[in-house]
Protein backbone atom coordinates (compact mmCIF):
# COMPACT_ATOMS: atom_id res chain seq x y z
CA ARG A 1 -24.05 -16.82 -6.12
CA HIS A 2 -22.69 -14.06 -8.38
CA SER A 3 -19.19 -12.33 -8.63
CA CYS A 4 -18.45 -9.00 -10.39
CA TRP A 5 -15.00 -9.12 -12.19
CA THR A 6 -13.31 -6.21 -13.87
CA ALA A 7 -10.68 -6.73 -16.60
CA LEU A 8 -8.36 -4.59 -14.37
CA PRO A 9 -8.38 -4.12 -10.59
CA ILE A 10 -8.52 -0.61 -9.37
CA SER A 11 -5.69 0.55 -7.05
CA LYS A 12 -7.75 -0.02 -4.07
CA ASP A 13 -8.73 -3.58 -5.03
CA ILE A 14 -4.95 -4.23 -4.82
CA ASN A 15 -4.43 -2.79 -1.55
CA ASP A 16 -7.30 -4.96 -0.11
CA MET A 17 -5.77 -8.15 -1.86
CA PHE A 18 -2.41 -7.74 -0.14
CA LYS A 19 -4.22 -7.00 3.20
CA SER A 20 -5.41 -10.59 3.06
CA GLU A 21 -1.93 -11.80 2.60
CA ILE A 22 -0.35 -9.59 5.26
CA ILE A 23 -2.75 -10.00 8.26
CA ASN A 24 -2.11 -13.02 10.60
CA GLU A 25 -2.18 -13.70 14.34
CA ASN A 26 0.86 -11.52 14.88
CA VAL A 27 -0.01 -8.82 12.31
CA LYS A 28 -2.94 -6.54 13.02
CA SER A 29 -4.39 -3.79 11.14
CA GLN A 30 -4.14 -0.34 12.77
CA ASP A 31 -5.24 2.34 10.19
CA PHE A 32 -6.39 2.81 6.57
CA PHE A 33 -6.48 6.28 5.02
CA GLU A 34 -6.21 7.78 1.69
CA THR A 35 -4.74 10.87 0.08
CA LYS A 36 -4.87 12.40 -3.12
CA LYS A 37 -2.37 10.03 -4.40
CA TYR A 38 -2.37 6.87 -2.24
CA TYR A 39 -4.22 4.30 -0.41
CA ILE A 40 -2.35 3.47 2.80
CA SER A 41 -2.72 0.70 5.08
CA LYS A 42 -0.91 0.50 8.34
CA TYR A 43 -0.23 -2.79 10.32
CA TYR A 44 1.87 -3.72 13.46
CA ASP A 45 3.61 -6.96 13.74
CA SER A 46 3.89 -7.82 17.42
CA SER A 47 6.31 -10.80 16.91
CA GLU A 48 8.94 -8.58 15.04
CA GLU A 49 8.03 -5.24 16.82
CA MET A 50 7.94 -3.68 13.32
CA TYR A 51 5.29 -1.62 11.42
CA ILE A 52 4.19 -2.69 7.91
CA TYR A 53 2.96 0.16 5.52
CA LEU A 54 1.11 -0.91 2.44
CA ILE A 55 1.07 2.04 -0.15
CA THR A 56 -0.62 1.62 -3.33
CA GLY A 57 -0.70 4.57 -5.91
CA LYS A 58 -4.30 5.75 -7.04
CA ASN A 59 -2.98 6.90 -10.67
CA SER A 60 -1.03 4.53 -12.65
CA LYS A 61 2.16 5.85 -14.43
CA VAL A 62 2.41 2.60 -16.32
CA LYS A 63 -0.47 1.39 -18.78
CA ASN A 64 -2.36 -1.51 -17.41
CA GLY A 65 -0.81 -1.62 -13.99
CA TYR A 66 -0.41 -0.15 -10.52
CA THR A 67 2.35 0.40 -8.16
CA SER A 68 2.33 -0.85 -4.69
CA ILE A 69 5.13 -0.45 -2.11
CA LEU A 70 5.46 -2.37 1.12
CA TYR A 71 7.62 -0.49 3.64
CA VAL A 72 8.70 -2.28 6.83
CA THR A 73 10.15 -0.17 9.62
CA GLU A 74 10.51 0.20 13.37
CA LEU A 75 8.99 3.72 12.93
CA ASN A 76 5.47 4.63 14.03
CA LEU A 77 4.90 7.28 11.38
CA ASN A 78 2.16 9.75 11.31
CA LYS A 79 0.06 10.45 8.22
CA GLU A 80 2.10 13.56 7.21
CA ASN A 81 5.50 11.79 7.50
CA LEU A 82 4.04 8.47 5.87
CA GLU A 83 2.98 10.50 2.90
CA ASN A 84 6.23 12.31 2.53
CA LYS A 85 7.92 8.79 2.51
CA ALA A 86 5.43 7.51 -0.15
CA ASN A 87 6.27 10.25 -2.32
CA ILE A 88 9.99 9.64 -2.02
CA PHE A 89 9.33 5.96 -2.85
CA PHE A 90 7.15 6.44 -5.62
CA ASN A 91 9.39 8.70 -7.34
CA GLU A 92 12.20 6.24 -7.27
CA ALA A 93 10.15 3.23 -8.01
CA GLU A 94 8.15 4.95 -10.84
CA SER A 95 11.79 6.11 -12.36
CA TYR A 96 12.45 2.58 -13.31
CA LEU A 97 9.12 1.84 -14.83
CA LYS A 98 8.48 2.21 -18.66
CA LYS A 99 5.76 4.65 -19.40
């Protein structure tokens, strides 16, 4: 049994890692897509009647790190609206990070 490890995970690896922590008997995966800037996973929590969006940036603004945002809302967003929200969230989050 062999494993392949890299020194730093790529952003999609980070998205997949969080996925294993989010999904349970009440939370089901609904969609995964990527844009030029993000990997976006969409989940629905039936017990809370909430949508969970995991958004991971493809290109890091910080050396040796990636930014991921977990957005929980009652809104069932389409891809266009979600990408617009992602841009707003990432602009805000990355404004606090040292480059």
